[in-house]
Amino acid sequence: MQNKSAAVKPVVLNFSQEEKERIIKVLSQYPEKKVSAPFEEKRWLIAGCTVTLYKTGKLVVQGKQCKKVANEILKKMLSKEELILGIDEAGRGEHFGDFTIAAVLADKNKMRELRDSKKIKRLEEKAKIVEENSLASVTVSFSPEFIDEARRAGLTMNELQKRFINLTSKLFKIPGKSFKVRADGSPLRGCNAEFIVGGDDKCPVIGAASVLAKLAREKSPNKNQRKTWKSKLL
């Protein structure tokens, strides 16, 4: 007979390198356990659950009461709302299919279960977390045919992404509500956003956008080749 507690999925929360010190301070009141691998930083035992902090900032809660324990940790960690407009894309360097870009407006604290979509297996499950906890989101898909036409006309994929970032920054703006705009990747000139290399694995809201962008690309039936793929235009 299968142990029911073994079937409980662990809860994974993601924090930045800057937040790790606070995690350790918050959890220092609990019994500490010995780590079992070099990439683990700390381990604790909380209400029968094993809580492991990895050097990357990932926090994994395992055990029958993992959701309850994870929620308690979040309550202790989080002090105030931090609204972020996170932006990421999928399919930029591919030679086929859609180029998708997503934007998610959300409190960073509510997106702790999201990270780089390349490291997530259950995209649809994670997309539900985005839908349930975001204030607004939008995803745009550019078909291979559109990309070819745009590039022949001299429009780069960087330009398409820049337009998207500037448009959504205005679209989601409402009086009395401010937010930071953060996008994954290297800076694009003319964008009023903070660019973070590897941002989809460092900022939870960018991670949320990464999930939506990749899911939209995977669901698209258009897998046609991009005829201008070898062009030097980005």
C-alpha atoms as a PDB file:
ATOM      1  CA  MET A   1       0.000   0.000   0.000  1.00  0.00           C
ATOM      2  CA  GLN A   2       1.401   3.380  -1.012  1.00  0.00           C
ATOM      3  CA  ASN A   3       2.198   5.866   1.734  1.00  0.00           C
ATOM      4  CA  LYS A   4      -0.132   8.833   1.165  1.00  0.00           C
ATOM      5  CA  SER A   5       2.346  11.326   2.609  1.00  0.00           C
ATOM      6  CA  ALA A   6       4.876  10.290  -0.037  1.00  0.00           C
ATOM      7  CA  ALA A   7       2.457  11.395  -2.758  1.00  0.00           C
ATOM      8  CA  VAL A   8       2.358  14.996  -1.500  1.00  0.00           C
ATOM      9  CA  LYS A   9       4.208  17.234  -3.945  1.00  0.00           C
ATOM     10  CA  PRO A  10       6.880  19.431  -2.372  1.00  0.00           C
ATOM     11  CA  VAL A  11       6.426  23.186  -2.493  1.00  0.00           C
ATOM     12  CA  VAL A  12       9.209  25.105  -4.222  1.00  0.00           C
ATOM     13  CA  LEU A  13       9.709  28.792  -3.472  1.00  0.00           C
ATOM     14  CA  ASN A  14      12.285  31.013  -5.137  1.00  0.00           C
ATOM     15  CA  PHE A  15      14.201  33.876  -3.580  1.00  0.00           C
ATOM     16  CA  SER A  16      16.996  36.135  -4.767  1.00  0.00           C
ATOM     17  CA  GLN A  17      20.564  35.902  -3.515  1.00  0.00           C
ATOM     18  CA  GLU A  18      19.950  39.110  -1.552  1.00  0.00           C
ATOM     19  CA  GLU A  19      17.006  37.498   0.250  1.00  0.00           C
ATOM     20  CA  LYS A  20      18.885  34.378   1.364  1.00  0.00           C
ATOM     21  CA  GLU A  21      20.316  36.014   4.487  1.00  0.00           C
ATOM     22  CA  ARG A  22      16.838  36.968   5.631  1.00  0.00           C
ATOM     23  CA  ILE A  23      15.559  33.435   5.015  1.00  0.00           C
ATOM     24  CA  ILE A  24      18.334  32.025   7.193  1.00  0.00           C
ATOM     25  CA  LYS A  25      17.580  34.586   9.907  1.00  0.00           C
ATOM     26  CA  VAL A  26      13.824  33.882   9.815  1.00  0.00           C
ATOM     27  CA  LEU A  27      14.281  30.106   9.961  1.00  0.00           C
ATOM     28  CA  SER A  28      17.098  30.106  12.528  1.00  0.00           C
ATOM     29  CA  GLN A  29      14.540  29.515  15.302  1.00  0.00           C
ATOM     30  CA  TYR A  30      13.853  26.004  13.990  1.00  0.00           C
ATOM     31  CA  PRO A  31      15.958  22.843  14.508  1.00  0.00           C
ATOM     32  CA  GLU A  32      18.688  22.620  11.897  1.00  0.00           C
ATOM     33  CA  LYS A  33      19.421  19.419   9.972  1.00  0.00           C
ATOM     34  CA  LYS A  34      22.580  18.324   8.212  1.00  0.00           C
ATOM     35  CA  VAL A  35      22.699  19.109   4.492  1.00  0.00           C
ATOM     36  CA  SER A  36      23.125  16.153   2.135  1.00  0.00           C
ATOM     37  CA  ALA A  37      24.701  17.764  -0.951  1.00  0.00           C
ATOM     38  CA  PRO A  38      27.250  20.531  -1.722  1.00  0.00           C
ATOM     39  CA  PHE A  39      24.639  22.649  -3.506  1.00  0.00           C
ATOM     40  CA  GLU A  40      22.459  22.786  -0.377  1.00  0.00           C
ATOM     41  CA  GLU A  41      23.060  25.717   1.964  1.00  0.00           C
ATOM     42  CA  LYS A  42      20.847  24.972   4.979  1.00  0.00           C
ATOM     43  CA  ARG A  43      18.225  22.489   6.162  1.00  0.00           C
ATOM     44  CA  TRP A  44      15.614  22.769   8.899  1.00  0.00           C
ATOM     45  CA  LEU A  45      12.887  20.606  10.407  1.00  0.00           C
ATOM     46  CA  ILE A  46       9.603  22.515  10.682  1.00  0.00           C
ATOM     47  CA  ALA A  47       6.345  20.858  11.797  1.00  0.00           C
ATOM     48  CA  GLY A  48       7.506  17.496  10.514  1.00  0.00           C
ATOM     49  CA  CYS A  49       8.606  18.939   7.155  1.00  0.00           C
ATOM     50  CA  THR A  50      12.120  19.138   5.770  1.00  0.00           C
ATOM     51  CA  VAL A  51      12.915  22.633   4.509  1.00  0.00           C
ATOM     52  CA  THR A  52      15.991  22.913   2.293  1.00  0.00           C
ATOM     53  CA  LEU A  53      17.588  26.152   1.149  1.00  0.00           C
ATOM     54  CA  TYR A  54      19.755  25.747  -1.950  1.00  0.00           C
ATOM     55  CA  LYS A  55      22.647  28.009  -2.856  1.00  0.00           C
ATOM     56  CA  THR A  56      20.640  29.247  -5.859  1.00  0.00           C
ATOM     57  CA  GLY A  57      17.979  30.721  -3.553  1.00  0.00           C
ATOM     58  CA  LYS A  58      15.488  27.920  -4.136  1.00  0.00           C
ATOM     59  CA  LEU A  59      13.640  26.810  -0.993  1.00  0.00           C
ATOM     60  CA  VAL A  60      12.050  23.343  -1.052  1.00  0.00           C
ATOM     61  CA  VAL A  61       9.495  22.281   1.559  1.00  0.00           C
ATOM     62  CA  GLN A  62       8.858  18.520   1.752  1.00  0.00           C
ATOM     63  CA  GLY A  63       6.386  16.663   3.943  1.00  0.00           C
ATOM     64  CA  LYS A  64       2.709  16.082   4.608  1.00  0.00           C
ATOM     65  CA  GLN A  65       2.125  19.665   5.782  1.00  0.00           C
ATOM     66  CA  CYS A  66       4.388  21.269   3.166  1.00  0.00           C
ATOM     67  CA  LYS A  67       1.797  23.760   1.861  1.00  0.00           C
ATOM     68  CA  LYS A  68       0.943  24.964   5.349  1.00  0.00           C
ATOM     69  CA  VAL A  69       4.612  25.275   6.309  1.00  0.00           C
ATOM     70  CA  ALA A  70       5.424  27.094   3.052  1.00  0.00           C
ATOM     71  CA  ASN A  71       2.615  29.593   3.672  1.00  0.00           C
ATOM     72  CA  GLU A  72       3.888  30.226   7.196  1.00  0.00           C
ATOM     73  CA  ILE A  73       7.398  30.832   5.873  1.00  0.00           C
ATOM     74  CA  LEU A  74       6.059  33.296   3.318  1.00  0.00           C
ATOM     75  CA  LYS A  75       4.139  35.177   6.003  1.00  0.00           C
ATOM     76  CA  LYS A  76       7.323  35.531   8.036  1.00  0.00           C
ATOM     77  CA  MET A  77       9.401  36.520   5.015  1.00  0.00           C
ATOM     78  CA  LEU A  78       7.095  39.009   3.378  1.00  0.00           C
ATOM     79  CA  SER A  79       6.447  42.443   4.759  1.00  0.00           C
ATOM     80  CA  LYS A  80       4.742  44.477   2.046  1.00  0.00           C
ATOM     81  CA  GLU A  81       3.399  44.281  -1.476  1.00  0.00           C
ATOM     82  CA  GLU A  82       5.964  44.753  -4.243  1.00  0.00           C
ATOM     83  CA  LEU A  83       4.306  45.167  -7.618  1.00  0.00           C
ATOM     84  CA  ILE A  84       6.385  44.211 -10.632  1.00  0.00           C
ATOM     85  CA  LEU A  85       5.649  44.082 -14.335  1.00  0.00           C
ATOM     86  CA  GLY A  86       7.717  41.093 -15.424  1.00  0.00           C
ATOM     87  CA  ILE A  87       8.453  40.464 -19.103  1.00  0.00           C
ATOM     88  CA  ASP A  88      10.020  37.524 -20.895  1.00  0.00           C
ATOM     89  CA  GLU A  89      10.025  35.877 -24.310  1.00  0.00           C
ATOM     90  CA  ALA A  90      10.337  32.439 -25.870  1.00  0.00           C
ATOM     91  CA  GLY A  91      11.536  31.295 -29.277  1.00  0.00           C
ATOM     92  CA  ARG A  92      13.874  34.155 -30.138  1.00  0.00           C
ATOM     93  CA  GLY A  93      16.731  31.927 -31.317  1.00  0.00           C
ATOM     94  CA  GLU A  94      14.649  29.160 -32.895  1.00  0.00           C
ATOM     95  CA  HIS A  95      14.494  28.543 -36.634  1.00  0.00           C
ATOM     96  CA  PHE A  96      10.787  27.626 -36.574  1.00  0.00           C
ATOM     97  CA  GLY A  97       7.517  28.481 -34.861  1.00  0.00           C
ATOM     98  CA  ASP A  98       6.210  31.529 -33.041  1.00  0.00           C
ATOM     99  CA  PHE A  99       8.180  34.164 -31.201  1.00  0.00           C
ATOM    100  CA  THR A 100       6.133  34.818 -28.036  1.00  0.00           C
ATOM    101  CA  ILE A 101       6.411  37.578 -25.443  1.00  0.00           C
ATOM    102  CA  ALA A 102       4.483  37.741 -22.169  1.00  0.00           C
ATOM    103  CA  ALA A 103       3.997  40.395 -19.514  1.00  0.00           C
ATOM    104  CA  VAL A 104       2.682  39.749 -16.008  1.00  0.00           C
ATOM    105  CA  LEU A 105       1.742  42.412 -13.465  1.00  0.00           C
ATOM    106  CA  ALA A 106       1.806  40.908  -9.976  1.00  0.00           C
ATOM    107  CA  ASP A 107       2.980  41.156  -6.412  1.00  0.00           C
ATOM    108  CA  LYS A 108       6.375  39.446  -6.393  1.00  0.00           C
ATOM    109  CA  ASN A 109       5.457  37.746  -3.126  1.00  0.00           C
ATOM    110  CA  LYS A 110       2.630  35.814  -4.774  1.00  0.00           C
ATOM    111  CA  MET A 111       4.811  34.385  -7.541  1.00  0.00           C
ATOM    112  CA  ARG A 112       7.432  32.621  -5.427  1.00  0.00           C
ATOM    113  CA  GLU A 113       6.609  29.247  -7.005  1.00  0.00           C
ATOM    114  CA  LEU A 114       7.615  30.462 -10.472  1.00  0.00           C
ATOM    115  CA  ARG A 115      11.032  30.461 -12.120  1.00  0.00           C
ATOM    116  CA  ASP A 116      12.700  29.936 -15.494  1.00  0.00           C
ATOM    117  CA  SER A 117      10.216  27.943 -17.616  1.00  0.00           C
ATOM    118  CA  LYS A 118      13.060  25.792 -19.000  1.00  0.00           C
ATOM    119  CA  LYS A 119      13.346  24.282 -15.514  1.00  0.00           C
ATOM    120  CA  ILE A 120       9.605  23.601 -15.134  1.00  0.00           C
ATOM    121  CA  LYS A 121       7.940  20.422 -16.330  1.00  0.00           C
ATOM    122  CA  ARG A 122       4.268  21.159 -15.554  1.00  0.00           C
ATOM    123  CA  LEU A 123       3.797  24.451 -17.403  1.00  0.00           C
ATOM    124  CA  GLU A 124      -0.009  24.407 -17.418  1.00  0.00           C
ATOM    125  CA  GLU A 125      -0.089  23.812 -13.673  1.00  0.00           C
ATOM    126  CA  LYS A 126       2.250  26.746 -13.098  1.00  0.00           C
ATOM    127  CA  ALA A 127       0.296  28.922 -15.530  1.00  0.00           C
ATOM    128  CA  LYS A 128      -2.742  28.526 -13.253  1.00  0.00           C
ATOM    129  CA  ILE A 129      -0.721  30.039 -10.414  1.00  0.00           C
ATOM    130  CA  VAL A 130      -0.018  33.041 -12.653  1.00  0.00           C
ATOM    131  CA  GLU A 131      -3.673  33.390 -13.661  1.00  0.00           C
ATOM    132  CA  GLU A 132      -4.928  33.129 -10.088  1.00  0.00           C
ATOM    133  CA  ASN A 133      -2.430  35.544  -8.538  1.00  0.00           C
ATOM    134  CA  SER A 134      -1.640  38.203 -11.158  1.00  0.00           C
ATOM    135  CA  LEU A 135      -3.380  41.554 -11.487  1.00  0.00           C
ATOM    136  CA  ALA A 136      -3.006  41.509 -15.271  1.00  0.00           C
ATOM    137  CA  SER A 137      -1.201  39.593 -17.988  1.00  0.00           C
ATOM    138  CA  VAL A 138      -0.883  39.583 -21.740  1.00  0.00           C
ATOM    139  CA  THR A 139       0.849  37.323 -24.239  1.00  0.00           C
ATOM    140  CA  VAL A 140       1.613  38.156 -27.864  1.00  0.00           C
ATOM    141  CA  SER A 141       2.626  35.627 -30.508  1.00  0.00           C
ATOM    142  CA  PHE A 142       4.438  36.549 -33.716  1.00  0.00           C
ATOM    143  CA  SER A 143       4.140  33.846 -36.372  1.00  0.00           C
ATOM    144  CA  PRO A 144       7.133  32.740 -38.470  1.00  0.00           C
ATOM    145  CA  GLU A 145       5.492  34.453 -41.446  1.00  0.00           C
ATOM    146  CA  PHE A 146       5.143  37.742 -39.548  1.00  0.00           C
ATOM    147  CA  ILE A 147       8.744  37.519 -38.334  1.00  0.00           C
ATOM    148  CA  ASP A 148       9.963  37.023 -41.913  1.00  0.00           C
ATOM    149  CA  GLU A 149       7.931  39.987 -43.183  1.00  0.00           C
ATOM    150  CA  ALA A 150       9.115  42.192 -40.319  1.00  0.00           C
ATOM    151  CA  ARG A 151      12.768  41.309 -40.778  1.00  0.00           C
ATOM    152  CA  ARG A 152      12.623  41.869 -44.518  1.00  0.00           C
ATOM    153  CA  ALA A 153      11.227  45.316 -43.737  1.00  0.00           C
ATOM    154  CA  GLY A 154      14.184  46.005 -41.446  1.00  0.00           C
ATOM    155  CA  LEU A 155      12.457  45.367 -38.106  1.00  0.00           C
ATOM    156  CA  THR A 156      14.510  43.304 -35.694  1.00  0.00           C
ATOM    157  CA  MET A 157      13.135  41.001 -33.017  1.00  0.00           C
ATOM    158  CA  ASN A 158      14.703  43.383 -30.504  1.00  0.00           C
ATOM    159  CA  GLU A 159      12.508  46.128 -31.938  1.00  0.00           C
ATOM    160  CA  LEU A 160       9.394  43.965 -31.581  1.00  0.00           C
ATOM    161  CA  GLN A 161      10.259  43.233 -27.978  1.00  0.00           C
ATOM    162  CA  LYS A 162      10.992  46.895 -27.249  1.00  0.00           C
ATOM    163  CA  ARG A 163       7.582  47.903 -28.632  1.00  0.00           C
ATOM    164  CA  PHE A 164       5.916  45.256 -26.465  1.00  0.00           C
ATOM    165  CA  ILE A 165       7.686  46.400 -23.289  1.00  0.00           C
ATOM    166  CA  ASN A 166       6.869  50.072 -23.841  1.00  0.00           C
ATOM    167  CA  LEU A 167       3.254  49.307 -24.748  1.00  0.00           C
ATOM    168  CA  THR A 168       2.511  47.071 -21.761  1.00  0.00           C
ATOM    169  CA  SER A 169       4.211  49.524 -19.397  1.00  0.00           C
ATOM    170  CA  LYS A 170       1.595  52.093 -20.459  1.00  0.00           C
ATOM    171  CA  LEU A 171      -1.274  49.610 -20.767  1.00  0.00           C
ATOM    172  CA  PHE A 172      -1.070  48.402 -17.168  1.00  0.00           C
ATOM    173  CA  LYS A 173      -0.494  51.822 -15.598  1.00  0.00           C
ATOM    174  CA  ILE A 174      -3.330  53.079 -13.406  1.00  0.00           C
ATOM    175  CA  PRO A 175      -3.475  56.172 -11.137  1.00  0.00           C
ATOM    176  CA  GLY A 176      -2.258  55.564  -7.598  1.00  0.00           C
ATOM    177  CA  LYS A 177      -0.622  52.228  -8.407  1.00  0.00           C
ATOM    178  CA  SER A 178       3.073  52.117  -9.176  1.00  0.00           C
ATOM    179  CA  PHE A 179       5.196  49.185 -10.269  1.00  0.00           C
ATOM    180  CA  LYS A 180       8.704  48.369 -11.391  1.00  0.00           C
ATOM    181  CA  VAL A 181       9.259  47.088 -14.924  1.00  0.00           C
ATOM    182  CA  ARG A 182      11.741  44.210 -15.145  1.00  0.00           C
ATOM    183  CA  ALA A 183      12.614  42.163 -18.215  1.00  0.00           C
ATOM    184  CA  ASP A 184      14.825  39.177 -18.846  1.00  0.00           C
ATOM    185  CA  GLY A 185      17.975  39.597 -20.916  1.00  0.00           C
ATOM    186  CA  SER A 186      20.432  42.269 -21.944  1.00  0.00           C
ATOM    187  CA  PRO A 187      19.348  45.933 -22.056  1.00  0.00           C
ATOM    188  CA  LEU A 188      17.477  47.257 -25.082  1.00  0.00           C
ATOM    189  CA  ARG A 189      18.014  50.908 -25.898  1.00  0.00           C
ATOM    190  CA  GLY A 190      14.821  52.944 -25.679  1.00  0.00           C
ATOM    191  CA  CYS A 191      13.143  50.742 -23.046  1.00  0.00           C
ATOM    192  CA  ASN A 192      12.120  52.111 -19.680  1.00  0.00           C
ATOM    193  CA  ALA A 193      12.784  48.831 -17.898  1.00  0.00           C
ATOM    194  CA  GLU A 194      15.370  47.150 -15.714  1.00  0.00           C
ATOM    195  CA  PHE A 195      16.935  44.268 -17.629  1.00  0.00           C
ATOM    196  CA  ILE A 196      18.249  41.276 -15.703  1.00  0.00           C
ATOM    197  CA  VAL A 197      20.387  38.619 -17.367  1.00  0.00           C
ATOM    198  CA  GLY A 198      18.937  35.312 -16.195  1.00  0.00           C
ATOM    199  CA  GLY A 199      16.024  37.276 -14.762  1.00  0.00           C
ATOM    200  CA  ASP A 200      13.552  34.448 -15.301  1.00  0.00           C
ATOM    201  CA  ASP A 201      15.441  32.534 -12.610  1.00  0.00           C
ATOM    202  CA  LYS A 202      16.044  35.533 -10.324  1.00  0.00           C
ATOM    203  CA  CYS A 203      12.775  37.461 -10.331  1.00  0.00           C
ATOM    204  CA  PRO A 204       9.560  35.453  -9.690  1.00  0.00           C
ATOM    205  CA  VAL A 205       7.368  37.731 -11.827  1.00  0.00           C
ATOM    206  CA  ILE A 206       9.731  37.447 -14.794  1.00  0.00           C
ATOM    207  CA  GLY A 207       9.573  33.704 -14.138  1.00  0.00           C
ATOM    208  CA  ALA A 208       5.777  33.943 -14.366  1.00  0.00           C
ATOM    209  CA  ALA A 209       6.057  35.703 -17.730  1.00  0.00           C
ATOM    210  CA  SER A 210       8.507  33.009 -18.846  1.00  0.00           C
ATOM    211  CA  VAL A 211       5.901  30.340 -18.097  1.00  0.00           C
ATOM    212  CA  LEU A 212       3.166  32.096 -20.112  1.00  0.00           C
ATOM    213  CA  ALA A 213       5.465  32.817 -23.057  1.00  0.00           C
ATOM    214  CA  LYS A 214       6.760  29.256 -23.315  1.00  0.00           C
ATOM    215  CA  LEU A 215       3.307  27.726 -22.870  1.00  0.00           C
ATOM    216  CA  ALA A 216       1.891  29.918 -25.649  1.00  0.00           C
ATOM    217  CA  ARG A 217       4.713  28.899 -27.967  1.00  0.00           C
ATOM    218  CA  GLU A 218       4.291  25.203 -27.170  1.00  0.00           C
ATOM    219  CA  LYS A 219       0.512  25.359 -27.739  1.00  0.00           C
ATOM    220  CA  SER A 220       0.796  27.133 -31.082  1.00  0.00           C
ATOM    221  CA  PRO A 221       0.070  24.807 -34.034  1.00  0.00           C
ATOM    222  CA  ASN A 222       2.297  26.891 -36.294  1.00  0.00           C
ATOM    223  CA  LYS A 223       5.683  25.158 -36.436  1.00  0.00           C
ATOM    224  CA  ASN A 224       6.679  26.532 -39.837  1.00  0.00           C
ATOM    225  CA  GLN A 225      10.285  27.375 -40.656  1.00  0.00           C
ATOM    226  CA  ARG A 226      11.482  30.975 -40.445  1.00  0.00           C
ATOM    227  CA  LYS A 227      12.956  31.720 -43.842  1.00  0.00           C
ATOM    228  CA  THR A 228      14.998  34.622 -42.503  1.00  0.00           C
ATOM    229  CA  TRP A 229      16.417  32.600 -39.601  1.00  0.00           C
ATOM    230  CA  LYS A 230      20.045  32.875 -40.824  1.00  0.00           C
ATOM    231  CA  SER A 231      19.736  36.629 -41.206  1.00  0.00           C
ATOM    232  CA  LYS A 232      22.079  38.687 -39.029  1.00  0.00           C
ATOM    233  CA  LEU A 233      19.167  40.766 -37.818  1.00  0.00           C
ATOM    234  CA  LEU A 234      18.355  40.016 -34.135  1.00  0.00           C
END
